[in-house]
Amino acid sequence: MNRGTKEEGDKQVLKFHYNAFTETPLKDYLMQNGTTTLVITGAYTSRCVDATAVVASDVFGYDVFVARDLVGVPRAFSAEQDPILERIDSIFGYVVNSQDILNAWASYK
């Protein structure tokens, strides 16, 4: 199974639930590093991305950004994509394009 390219300093978290926090070391890792903002990407917007955004925002109080162009759903569930992103954007965080995130980071350098 390909888990993507890991670069030096990257933290990989293996998860078994829809959200990335349940029964994983993610929350502790983020706290240890003083993280307050999350950028969420993923392959299943209406399940894993949504669940992680809700828990991150509602339970733990993170500022949440979902990269619209870096999330997706299987074709059979494509009708779920836009309503889920709209819900996240209106309640739990911000849905933006990844280039907007990169531009914002570049302005802080």
PDB file of N, CA and C in Angstrom:
ATOM      1  N   MET A   1       0.843  -1.174   0.000  1.00  0.00           N
ATOM      2  CA  MET A   1       0.000   0.000   0.000  1.00  0.00           C
ATOM      3  C   MET A   1       0.888   1.236   0.000  1.00  0.00           C
ATOM      4  N   ASN A   2       0.671   2.133  -0.925  1.00  0.00           N
ATOM      5  CA  ASN A   2       1.438   3.367  -1.004  1.00  0.00           C
ATOM      6  C   ASN A   2       0.828   4.395  -0.060  1.00  0.00           C
ATOM      7  N   ARG A   3       1.607   4.869   0.867  1.00  0.00           N
ATOM      8  CA  ARG A   3       1.134   5.865   1.827  1.00  0.00           C
ATOM      9  C   ARG A   3       1.659   7.244   1.481  1.00  0.00           C
ATOM     10  N   GLY A   4       2.109   7.436   0.234  1.00  0.00           N
ATOM     11  CA  GLY A   4       2.599   8.741  -0.182  1.00  0.00           C
ATOM     12  C   GLY A   4       4.079   8.896   0.086  1.00  0.00           C
ATOM     13  N   THR A   5       4.586  10.014  -0.329  1.00  0.00           N
ATOM     14  CA  THR A   5       5.997  10.302  -0.146  1.00  0.00           C
ATOM     15  C   THR A   5       6.194  10.973   1.195  1.00  0.00           C
ATOM     16  N   LYS A   6       7.105  10.437   1.977  1.00  0.00           N
ATOM     17  CA  LYS A   6       7.399  10.998   3.283  1.00  0.00           C
ATOM     18  C   LYS A   6       8.728  11.727   3.199  1.00  0.00           C
ATOM     19  N   GLU A   7       8.715  12.983   3.613  1.00  0.00           N
ATOM     20  CA  GLU A   7       9.926  13.781   3.640  1.00  0.00           C
ATOM     21  C   GLU A   7      10.394  13.934   5.075  1.00  0.00           C
ATOM     22  N   GLU A   8      11.647  14.334   5.257  1.00  0.00           N
ATOM     23  CA  GLU A   8      12.190  14.536   6.589  1.00  0.00           C
ATOM     24  C   GLU A   8      11.307  15.509   7.366  1.00  0.00           C
ATOM     25  N   GLY A   9      10.967  15.136   8.584  1.00  0.00           N
ATOM     26  CA  GLY A   9      10.117  15.980   9.424  1.00  0.00           C
ATOM     27  C   GLY A   9       8.635  15.683   9.307  1.00  0.00           C
ATOM     28  N   ASP A  10       8.230  14.903   8.311  1.00  0.00           N
ATOM     29  CA  ASP A  10       6.823  14.546   8.157  1.00  0.00           C
ATOM     30  C   ASP A  10       6.410  13.560   9.242  1.00  0.00           C
ATOM     31  N   LYS A  11       5.184  13.664   9.673  1.00  0.00           N
ATOM     32  CA  LYS A  11       4.620  12.727  10.637  1.00  0.00           C
ATOM     33  C   LYS A  11       3.490  11.977   9.949  1.00  0.00           C
ATOM     34  N   GLN A  12       3.580  10.669   9.919  1.00  0.00           N
ATOM     35  CA  GLN A  12       2.509   9.854   9.363  1.00  0.00           C
ATOM     36  C   GLN A  12       1.698   9.262  10.505  1.00  0.00           C
ATOM     37  N   VAL A  13       0.381   9.298  10.349  1.00  0.00           N
ATOM     38  CA  VAL A  13      -0.521   8.761  11.365  1.00  0.00           C
ATOM     39  C   VAL A  13      -1.411   7.728  10.695  1.00  0.00           C
ATOM     40  N   LEU A  14      -1.312   6.518  11.137  1.00  0.00           N
ATOM     41  CA  LEU A  14      -2.160   5.447  10.623  1.00  0.00           C
ATOM     42  C   LEU A  14      -3.463   5.472  11.411  1.00  0.00           C
ATOM     43  N   LYS A  15      -4.592   5.541  10.700  1.00  0.00           N
ATOM     44  CA  LYS A  15      -5.876   5.648  11.373  1.00  0.00           C
ATOM     45  C   LYS A  15      -6.806   4.521  10.952  1.00  0.00           C
ATOM     46  N   PHE A  16      -7.743   4.219  11.841  1.00  0.00           N
ATOM     47  CA  PHE A  16      -8.701   3.146  11.591  1.00  0.00           C
ATOM     48  C   PHE A  16     -10.141   3.612  11.704  1.00  0.00           C
ATOM     49  N   HIS A  17     -10.331   4.913  11.917  1.00  0.00           N
ATOM     50  CA  HIS A  17     -11.653   5.511  12.034  1.00  0.00           C
ATOM     51  C   HIS A  17     -11.757   6.614  10.996  1.00  0.00           C
ATOM     52  N   TYR A  18     -12.972   7.114  10.773  1.00  0.00           N
ATOM     53  CA  TYR A  18     -13.128   8.182   9.786  1.00  0.00           C
ATOM     54  C   TYR A  18     -12.311   9.410  10.145  1.00  0.00           C
ATOM     55  N   ASN A  19     -12.352   9.851  11.394  1.00  0.00           N
ATOM     56  CA  ASN A  19     -11.563  11.030  11.743  1.00  0.00           C
ATOM     57  C   ASN A  19     -10.143  10.624  12.118  1.00  0.00           C
ATOM     58  N   ALA A  20      -9.235  11.535  11.960  1.00  0.00           N
ATOM     59  CA  ALA A  20      -7.812  11.235  12.165  1.00  0.00           C
ATOM     60  C   ALA A  20      -7.380  11.327  13.623  1.00  0.00           C
ATOM     61  N   PHE A  21      -8.305  11.604  14.539  1.00  0.00           N
ATOM     62  CA  PHE A  21      -7.950  11.772  15.948  1.00  0.00           C
ATOM     63  C   PHE A  21      -8.240  10.550  16.807  1.00  0.00           C
ATOM     64  N   THR A  22      -9.293   9.803  16.504  1.00  0.00           N
ATOM     65  CA  THR A  22      -9.692   8.678  17.342  1.00  0.00           C
ATOM     66  C   THR A  22      -8.646   7.578  17.319  1.00  0.00           C
ATOM     67  N   GLU A  23      -8.147   7.263  18.505  1.00  0.00           N
ATOM     68  CA  GLU A  23      -7.168   6.190  18.702  1.00  0.00           C
ATOM     69  C   GLU A  23      -5.900   6.381  17.875  1.00  0.00           C
ATOM     70  N   THR A  24      -5.471   7.645  17.723  1.00  0.00           N
ATOM     71  CA  THR A  24      -4.192   7.945  17.065  1.00  0.00           C
ATOM     72  C   THR A  24      -3.417   8.925  17.946  1.00  0.00           C
ATOM     73  N   PRO A  25      -2.128   9.083  17.702  1.00  0.00           N
ATOM     74  CA  PRO A  25      -1.333  10.052  18.467  1.00  0.00           C
ATOM     75  C   PRO A  25      -1.385  11.465  17.886  1.00  0.00           C
ATOM     76  N   LEU A  26      -2.289  11.729  16.949  1.00  0.00           N
ATOM     77  CA  LEU A  26      -2.290  13.011  16.254  1.00  0.00           C
ATOM     78  C   LEU A  26      -2.478  14.195  17.191  1.00  0.00           C
ATOM     79  N   LYS A  27      -3.459  14.156  18.065  1.00  0.00           N
ATOM     80  CA  LYS A  27      -3.729  15.292  18.964  1.00  0.00           C
ATOM     81  C   LYS A  27      -2.500  15.596  19.823  1.00  0.00           C
ATOM     82  N   ASP A  28      -1.889  14.582  20.395  1.00  0.00           N
ATOM     83  CA  ASP A  28      -0.688  14.798  21.218  1.00  0.00           C
ATOM     84  C   ASP A  28       0.441  15.398  20.396  1.00  0.00           C
ATOM     85  N   TYR A  29       0.634  14.903  19.204  1.00  0.00           N
ATOM     86  CA  TYR A  29       1.689  15.414  18.328  1.00  0.00           C
ATOM     87  C   TYR A  29       1.445  16.890  18.006  1.00  0.00           C
ATOM     88  N   LEU A  30       0.218  17.234  17.678  1.00  0.00           N
ATOM     89  CA  LEU A  30      -0.100  18.626  17.348  1.00  0.00           C
ATOM     90  C   LEU A  30       0.083  19.533  18.561  1.00  0.00           C
ATOM     91  N   MET A  31      -0.335  19.071  19.724  1.00  0.00           N
ATOM     92  CA  MET A  31      -0.173  19.862  20.943  1.00  0.00           C
ATOM     93  C   MET A  31       1.301  20.094  21.263  1.00  0.00           C
ATOM     94  N   GLN A  32       2.107  19.052  21.139  1.00  0.00           N
ATOM     95  CA  GLN A  32       3.544  19.164  21.421  1.00  0.00           C
ATOM     96  C   GLN A  32       4.227  20.167  20.504  1.00  0.00           C
ATOM     97  N   ASN A  33       3.686  20.353  19.318  1.00  0.00           N
ATOM     98  CA  ASN A  33       4.289  21.263  18.351  1.00  0.00           C
ATOM     99  C   ASN A  33       3.595  22.627  18.304  1.00  0.00           C
ATOM    100  N   GLY A  34       2.638  22.860  19.199  1.00  0.00           N
ATOM    101  CA  GLY A  34       1.972  24.148  19.274  1.00  0.00           C
ATOM    102  C   GLY A  34       1.098  24.474  18.075  1.00  0.00           C
ATOM    103  N   THR A  35       0.613  23.466  17.406  1.00  0.00           N
ATOM    104  CA  THR A  35      -0.208  23.657  16.210  1.00  0.00           C
ATOM    105  C   THR A  35      -1.584  24.198  16.586  1.00  0.00           C
ATOM    106  N   THR A  36      -2.031  25.208  15.875  1.00  0.00           N
ATOM    107  CA  THR A  36      -3.364  25.771  16.104  1.00  0.00           C
ATOM    108  C   THR A  36      -4.223  25.760  14.839  1.00  0.00           C
ATOM    109  N   THR A  37      -3.595  25.549  13.697  1.00  0.00           N
ATOM    110  CA  THR A  37      -4.291  25.567  12.413  1.00  0.00           C
ATOM    111  C   THR A  37      -4.009  24.283  11.653  1.00  0.00           C
ATOM    112  N   LEU A  38      -5.049  23.702  11.075  1.00  0.00           N
ATOM    113  CA  LEU A  38      -4.898  22.486  10.277  1.00  0.00           C
ATOM    114  C   LEU A  38      -5.347  22.738   8.855  1.00  0.00           C
ATOM    115  N   VAL A  39      -4.608  22.183   7.910  1.00  0.00           N
ATOM    116  CA  VAL A  39      -5.021  22.133   6.510  1.00  0.00           C
ATOM    117  C   VAL A  39      -5.332  20.669   6.237  1.00  0.00           C
ATOM    118  N   ILE A  40      -6.569  20.404   5.868  1.00  0.00           N
ATOM    119  CA  ILE A  40      -7.006  19.024   5.686  1.00  0.00           C
ATOM    120  C   ILE A  40      -7.168  18.730   4.200  1.00  0.00           C
ATOM    121  N   THR A  41      -6.595  17.607   3.793  1.00  0.00           N
ATOM    122  CA  THR A  41      -6.749  17.074   2.440  1.00  0.00           C
ATOM    123  C   THR A  41      -7.171  15.613   2.588  1.00  0.00           C
ATOM    124  N   GLY A  42      -7.642  15.003   1.533  1.00  0.00           N
ATOM    125  CA  GLY A  42      -7.976  13.599   1.658  1.00  0.00           C
ATOM    126  C   GLY A  42      -8.785  13.070   0.499  1.00  0.00           C
ATOM    127  N   ALA A  43      -8.931  11.762   0.504  1.00  0.00           N
ATOM    128  CA  ALA A  43      -9.541  11.073  -0.620  1.00  0.00           C
ATOM    129  C   ALA A  43     -11.025  10.800  -0.443  1.00  0.00           C
ATOM    130  N   TYR A  44     -11.587  11.108   0.703  1.00  0.00           N
ATOM    131  CA  TYR A  44     -13.002  10.805   0.914  1.00  0.00           C
ATOM    132  C   TYR A  44     -13.636  11.954   1.693  1.00  0.00           C
ATOM    133  N   THR A  45     -14.014  12.998   0.968  1.00  0.00           N
ATOM    134  CA  THR A  45     -14.510  14.232   1.573  1.00  0.00           C
ATOM    135  C   THR A  45     -15.683  13.991   2.511  1.00  0.00           C
ATOM    136  N   SER A  46     -16.656  13.215   2.062  1.00  0.00           N
ATOM    137  CA  SER A  46     -17.890  13.058   2.828  1.00  0.00           C
ATOM    138  C   SER A  46     -17.763  12.087   3.998  1.00  0.00           C
ATOM    139  N   ARG A  47     -16.628  11.511   4.180  1.00  0.00           N
ATOM    140  CA  ARG A  47     -16.412  10.625   5.321  1.00  0.00           C
ATOM    141  C   ARG A  47     -15.223  11.134   6.140  1.00  0.00           C
ATOM    142  N   CYS A  48     -14.022  10.830   5.710  1.00  0.00           N
ATOM    143  CA  CYS A  48     -12.825  11.103   6.498  1.00  0.00           C
ATOM    144  C   CYS A  48     -12.501  12.589   6.628  1.00  0.00           C
ATOM    145  N   VAL A  49     -12.550  13.320   5.542  1.00  0.00           N
ATOM    146  CA  VAL A  49     -12.248  14.750   5.594  1.00  0.00           C
ATOM    147  C   VAL A  49     -13.272  15.450   6.482  1.00  0.00           C
ATOM    148  N   ASP A  50     -14.545  15.165   6.256  1.00  0.00           N
ATOM    149  CA  ASP A  50     -15.606  15.774   7.045  1.00  0.00           C
ATOM    150  C   ASP A  50     -15.449  15.443   8.526  1.00  0.00           C
ATOM    151  N   ALA A  51     -15.287  14.190   8.847  1.00  0.00           N
ATOM    152  CA  ALA A  51     -15.180  13.778  10.254  1.00  0.00           C
ATOM    153  C   ALA A  51     -13.974  14.429  10.926  1.00  0.00           C
ATOM    154  N   THR A  52     -12.850  14.476  10.226  1.00  0.00           N
ATOM    155  CA  THR A  52     -11.657  15.092  10.798  1.00  0.00           C
ATOM    156  C   THR A  52     -11.856  16.590  10.997  1.00  0.00           C
ATOM    157  N   ALA A  53     -12.477  17.262  10.037  1.00  0.00           N
ATOM    158  CA  ALA A  53     -12.730  18.702  10.168  1.00  0.00           C
ATOM    159  C   ALA A  53     -13.650  18.993  11.348  1.00  0.00           C
ATOM    160  N   VAL A  54     -14.698  18.213  11.508  1.00  0.00           N
ATOM    161  CA  VAL A  54     -15.647  18.426  12.600  1.00  0.00           C
ATOM    162  C   VAL A  54     -14.964  18.236  13.946  1.00  0.00           C
ATOM    163  N   VAL A  55     -14.249  17.143  14.117  1.00  0.00           N
ATOM    164  CA  VAL A  55     -13.581  16.882  15.390  1.00  0.00           C
ATOM    165  C   VAL A  55     -12.501  17.937  15.659  1.00  0.00           C
ATOM    166  N   ALA A  56     -11.720  18.266  14.646  1.00  0.00           N
ATOM    167  CA  ALA A  56     -10.652  19.256  14.824  1.00  0.00           C
ATOM    168  C   ALA A  56     -11.215  20.599  15.273  1.00  0.00           C
ATOM    169  N   SER A  57     -12.292  21.031  14.653  1.00  0.00           N
ATOM    170  CA  SER A  57     -12.879  22.331  14.962  1.00  0.00           C
ATOM    171  C   SER A  57     -13.745  22.290  16.215  1.00  0.00           C
ATOM    172  N   ASP A  58     -14.718  21.407  16.228  1.00  0.00           N
ATOM    173  CA  ASP A  58     -15.735  21.398  17.266  1.00  0.00           C
ATOM    174  C   ASP A  58     -15.235  20.842  18.599  1.00  0.00           C
ATOM    175  N   VAL A  59     -14.439  19.810  18.548  1.00  0.00           N
ATOM    176  CA  VAL A  59     -13.962  19.175  19.777  1.00  0.00           C
ATOM    177  C   VAL A  59     -12.673  19.816  20.286  1.00  0.00           C
ATOM    178  N   PHE A  60     -11.725  20.069  19.370  1.00  0.00           N
ATOM    179  CA  PHE A  60     -10.412  20.530  19.806  1.00  0.00           C
ATOM    180  C   PHE A  60     -10.129  22.005  19.545  1.00  0.00           C
ATOM    181  N   GLY A  61     -10.990  22.704  18.831  1.00  0.00           N
ATOM    182  CA  GLY A  61     -10.841  24.139  18.643  1.00  0.00           C
ATOM    183  C   GLY A  61      -9.783  24.593  17.653  1.00  0.00           C
ATOM    184  N   TYR A  62      -9.366  23.721  16.755  1.00  0.00           N
ATOM    185  CA  TYR A  62      -8.400  24.119  15.733  1.00  0.00           C
ATOM    186  C   TYR A  62      -9.061  25.029  14.702  1.00  0.00           C
ATOM    187  N   ASP A  63      -8.256  25.900  14.112  1.00  0.00           N
ATOM    188  CA  ASP A  63      -8.675  26.622  12.915  1.00  0.00           C
ATOM    189  C   ASP A  63      -8.491  25.644  11.767  1.00  0.00           C
ATOM    190  N   VAL A  64      -9.540  25.386  11.016  1.00  0.00           N
ATOM    191  CA  VAL A  64      -9.540  24.341   9.992  1.00  0.00           C
ATOM    192  C   VAL A  64      -9.687  24.937   8.602  1.00  0.00           C
ATOM    193  N   PHE A  65      -8.810  24.513   7.722  1.00  0.00           N
ATOM    194  CA  PHE A  65      -8.884  24.842   6.304  1.00  0.00           C
ATOM    195  C   PHE A  65      -8.923  23.534   5.533  1.00  0.00           C
ATOM    196  N   VAL A  66      -9.837  23.428   4.601  1.00  0.00           N
ATOM    197  CA  VAL A  66      -9.914  22.264   3.720  1.00  0.00           C
ATOM    198  C   VAL A  66      -9.560  22.742   2.327  1.00  0.00           C
ATOM    199  N   ALA A  67      -8.584  22.080   1.728  1.00  0.00           N
ATOM    200  CA  ALA A  67      -8.155  22.434   0.379  1.00  0.00           C
ATOM    201  C   ALA A  67      -9.112  21.794  -0.630  1.00  0.00           C
ATOM    202  N   ARG A  68      -9.993  22.610  -1.187  1.00  0.00           N
ATOM    203  CA  ARG A  68     -11.054  22.132  -2.092  1.00  0.00           C
ATOM    204  C   ARG A  68     -10.505  21.264  -3.228  1.00  0.00           C
ATOM    205  N   ASP A  69      -9.374  21.655  -3.787  1.00  0.00           N
ATOM    206  CA  ASP A  69      -8.829  20.934  -4.932  1.00  0.00           C
ATOM    207  C   ASP A  69      -7.951  19.745  -4.530  1.00  0.00           C
ATOM    208  N   LEU A  70      -7.856  19.476  -3.222  1.00  0.00           N
ATOM    209  CA  LEU A  70      -7.062  18.341  -2.747  1.00  0.00           C
ATOM    210  C   LEU A  70      -7.899  17.358  -1.931  1.00  0.00           C
ATOM    211  N   VAL A  71      -9.207  17.353  -2.203  1.00  0.00           N
ATOM    212  CA  VAL A  71     -10.103  16.374  -1.595  1.00  0.00           C
ATOM    213  C   VAL A  71     -10.970  15.781  -2.697  1.00  0.00           C
ATOM    214  N   GLY A  72     -11.555  14.648  -2.408  1.00  0.00           N
ATOM    215  CA  GLY A  72     -12.407  14.016  -3.414  1.00  0.00           C
ATOM    216  C   GLY A  72     -13.242  12.903  -2.823  1.00  0.00           C
ATOM    217  N   VAL A  73     -14.111  12.366  -3.633  1.00  0.00           N
ATOM    218  CA  VAL A  73     -14.970  11.248  -3.249  1.00  0.00           C
ATOM    219  C   VAL A  73     -15.004  10.247  -4.396  1.00  0.00           C
ATOM    220  N   PRO A  74     -15.337   8.986  -4.107  1.00  0.00           N
ATOM    221  CA  PRO A  74     -15.548   8.040  -5.200  1.00  0.00           C
ATOM    222  C   PRO A  74     -16.695   8.526  -6.090  1.00  0.00           C
ATOM    223  N   ARG A  75     -16.640   8.204  -7.357  1.00  0.00           N
ATOM    224  CA  ARG A  75     -17.669   8.682  -8.305  1.00  0.00           C
ATOM    225  C   ARG A  75     -19.090   8.366  -7.857  1.00  0.00           C
ATOM    226  N   ALA A  76     -19.282   7.232  -7.250  1.00  0.00           N
ATOM    227  CA  ALA A  76     -20.623   6.845  -6.811  1.00  0.00           C
ATOM    228  C   ALA A  76     -21.191   7.810  -5.767  1.00  0.00           C
ATOM    229  N   PHE A  77     -20.315   8.590  -5.127  1.00  0.00           N
ATOM    230  CA  PHE A  77     -20.741   9.518  -4.080  1.00  0.00           C
ATOM    231  C   PHE A  77     -20.465  10.972  -4.451  1.00  0.00           C
ATOM    232  N   SER A  78     -20.277  11.253  -5.736  1.00  0.00           N
ATOM    233  CA  SER A  78     -19.892  12.599  -6.165  1.00  0.00           C
ATOM    234  C   SER A  78     -20.911  13.663  -5.769  1.00  0.00           C
ATOM    235  N   ALA A  79     -22.173  13.296  -5.636  1.00  0.00           N
ATOM    236  CA  ALA A  79     -23.198  14.273  -5.242  1.00  0.00           C
ATOM    237  C   ALA A  79     -23.000  14.768  -3.810  1.00  0.00           C
ATOM    238  N   GLU A  80     -22.227  14.059  -3.023  1.00  0.00           N
ATOM    239  CA  GLU A  80     -21.987  14.449  -1.632  1.00  0.00           C
ATOM    240  C   GLU A  80     -20.918  15.529  -1.486  1.00  0.00           C
ATOM    241  N   GLN A  81     -20.061  15.662  -2.480  1.00  0.00           N
ATOM    242  CA  GLN A  81     -18.885  16.531  -2.373  1.00  0.00           C
ATOM    243  C   GLN A  81     -19.238  17.985  -2.035  1.00  0.00           C
ATOM    244  N   ASP A  82     -19.992  18.640  -2.877  1.00  0.00           N
ATOM    245  CA  ASP A  82     -20.273  20.068  -2.673  1.00  0.00           C
ATOM    246  C   ASP A  82     -21.063  20.350  -1.392  1.00  0.00           C
ATOM    247  N   PRO A  83     -22.119  19.595  -1.076  1.00  0.00           N
ATOM    248  CA  PRO A  83     -22.833  19.883   0.176  1.00  0.00           C
ATOM    249  C   PRO A  83     -21.957  19.735   1.421  1.00  0.00           C
ATOM    250  N   ILE A  84     -21.080  18.755   1.439  1.00  0.00           N
ATOM    251  CA  ILE A  84     -20.191  18.572   2.592  1.00  0.00           C
ATOM    252  C   ILE A  84     -19.225  19.744   2.693  1.00  0.00           C
ATOM    253  N   LEU A  85     -18.636  20.155   1.571  1.00  0.00           N
ATOM    254  CA  LEU A  85     -17.712  21.289   1.598  1.00  0.00           C
ATOM    255  C   LEU A  85     -18.424  22.571   2.024  1.00  0.00           C
ATOM    256  N   GLU A  86     -19.655  22.757   1.578  1.00  0.00           N
ATOM    257  CA  GLU A  86     -20.422  23.939   1.994  1.00  0.00           C
ATOM    258  C   GLU A  86     -20.697  23.923   3.492  1.00  0.00           C
ATOM    259  N   ARG A  87     -21.010  22.755   4.033  1.00  0.00           N
ATOM    260  CA  ARG A  87     -21.258  22.629   5.483  1.00  0.00           C
ATOM    261  C   ARG A  87     -19.995  22.926   6.274  1.00  0.00           C
ATOM    262  N   ILE A  88     -18.881  22.360   5.837  1.00  0.00           N
ATOM    263  CA  ILE A  88     -17.611  22.639   6.515  1.00  0.00           C
ATOM    264  C   ILE A  88     -17.320  24.135   6.472  1.00  0.00           C
ATOM    265  N   ASP A  89     -17.480  24.736   5.303  1.00  0.00           N
ATOM    266  CA  ASP A  89     -17.163  26.151   5.120  1.00  0.00           C
ATOM    267  C   ASP A  89     -18.072  27.059   5.946  1.00  0.00           C
ATOM    268  N   SER A  90     -19.297  26.670   6.148  1.00  0.00           N
ATOM    269  CA  SER A  90     -20.226  27.542   6.877  1.00  0.00           C
ATOM    270  C   SER A  90     -20.205  27.325   8.387  1.00  0.00           C
ATOM    271  N   ILE A  91     -19.695  26.178   8.844  1.00  0.00           N
ATOM    272  CA  ILE A  91     -19.766  25.879  10.275  1.00  0.00           C
ATOM    273  C   ILE A  91     -18.407  25.598  10.908  1.00  0.00           C
ATOM    274  N   PHE A  92     -17.587  24.774  10.273  1.00  0.00           N
ATOM    275  CA  PHE A  92     -16.414  24.225  10.952  1.00  0.00           C
ATOM    276  C   PHE A  92     -15.071  24.791  10.512  1.00  0.00           C
ATOM    277  N   GLY A  93     -15.041  25.556   9.439  1.00  0.00           N
ATOM    278  CA  GLY A  93     -13.748  26.061   8.977  1.00  0.00           C
ATOM    279  C   GLY A  93     -13.892  26.809   7.683  1.00  0.00           C
ATOM    280  N   TYR A  94     -12.857  26.720   6.895  1.00  0.00           N
ATOM    281  CA  TYR A  94     -12.805  27.433   5.623  1.00  0.00           C
ATOM    282  C   TYR A  94     -12.431  26.454   4.520  1.00  0.00           C
ATOM    283  N   VAL A  95     -13.124  26.537   3.407  1.00  0.00           N
ATOM    284  CA  VAL A  95     -12.806  25.727   2.242  1.00  0.00           C
ATOM    285  C   VAL A  95     -12.217  26.657   1.201  1.00  0.00           C
ATOM    286  N   VAL A  96     -10.967  26.412   0.845  1.00  0.00           N
ATOM    287  CA  VAL A  96     -10.233  27.284  -0.076  1.00  0.00           C
ATOM    288  C   VAL A  96      -9.433  26.414  -1.043  1.00  0.00           C
ATOM    289  N   ASN A  97      -8.911  27.029  -2.091  1.00  0.00           N
ATOM    290  CA  ASN A  97      -8.041  26.309  -3.017  1.00  0.00           C
ATOM    291  C   ASN A  97      -6.630  26.227  -2.447  1.00  0.00           C
ATOM    292  N   SER A  98      -5.930  25.177  -2.783  1.00  0.00           N
ATOM    293  CA  SER A  98      -4.585  24.980  -2.243  1.00  0.00           C
ATOM    294  C   SER A  98      -3.642  26.125  -2.622  1.00  0.00           C
ATOM    295  N   GLN A  99      -3.822  26.718  -3.779  1.00  0.00           N
ATOM    296  CA  GLN A  99      -2.956  27.832  -4.175  1.00  0.00           C
ATOM    297  C   GLN A  99      -3.137  29.028  -3.243  1.00  0.00           C
ATOM    298  N   ASP A 100      -4.356  29.233  -2.762  1.00  0.00           N
ATOM    299  CA  ASP A 100      -4.600  30.309  -1.801  1.00  0.00           C
ATOM    300  C   ASP A 100      -3.835  30.059  -0.498  1.00  0.00           C
ATOM    301  N   ILE A 101      -3.772  28.815  -0.076  1.00  0.00           N
ATOM    302  CA  ILE A 101      -3.018  28.456   1.128  1.00  0.00           C
ATOM    303  C   ILE A 101      -1.529  28.710   0.893  1.00  0.00           C
ATOM    304  N   LEU A 102      -1.020  28.267  -0.252  1.00  0.00           N
ATOM    305  CA  LEU A 102       0.393  28.488  -0.566  1.00  0.00           C
ATOM    306  C   LEU A 102       0.717  29.978  -0.632  1.00  0.00           C
ATOM    307  N   ASN A 103      -0.173  30.763  -1.223  1.00  0.00           N
ATOM    308  CA  ASN A 103       0.043  32.210  -1.303  1.00  0.00           C
ATOM    309  C   ASN A 103       0.068  32.841   0.090  1.00  0.00           C
ATOM    310  N   ALA A 104      -0.831  32.398   0.960  1.00  0.00           N
ATOM    311  CA  ALA A 104      -0.859  32.935   2.316  1.00  0.00           C
ATOM    312  C   ALA A 104       0.427  32.593   3.066  1.00  0.00           C
ATOM    313  N   TRP A 105       0.896  31.341   2.925  1.00  0.00           N
ATOM    314  CA  TRP A 105       2.145  30.946   3.590  1.00  0.00           C
ATOM    315  C   TRP A 105       3.321  31.739   3.062  1.00  0.00           C
ATOM    316  N   ALA A 106       3.342  31.963   1.749  1.00  0.00           N
ATOM    317  CA  ALA A 106       4.445  32.704   1.152  1.00  0.00           C
ATOM    318  C   ALA A 106       4.501  34.133   1.673  1.00  0.00           C
ATOM    319  N   SER A 107       3.366  34.714   1.995  1.00  0.00           N
ATOM    320  CA  SER A 107       3.345  36.097   2.489  1.00  0.00           C
ATOM    321  C   SER A 107       3.904  36.213   3.903  1.00  0.00           C
ATOM    322  N   TYR A 108       4.027  35.114   4.628  1.00  0.00           N
ATOM    323  CA  TYR A 108       4.568  35.131   5.985  1.00  0.00           C
ATOM    324  C   TYR A 108       6.073  34.953   6.031  1.00  0.00           C
ATOM    325  N   LYS A 109       6.692  34.661   4.905  1.00  0.00           N
ATOM    326  CA  LYS A 109       8.140  34.431   4.874  1.00  0.00           C
ATOM    327  C   LYS A 109       8.909  35.719   4.849  1.00  0.00           C
TER     328      LYS A 109
END
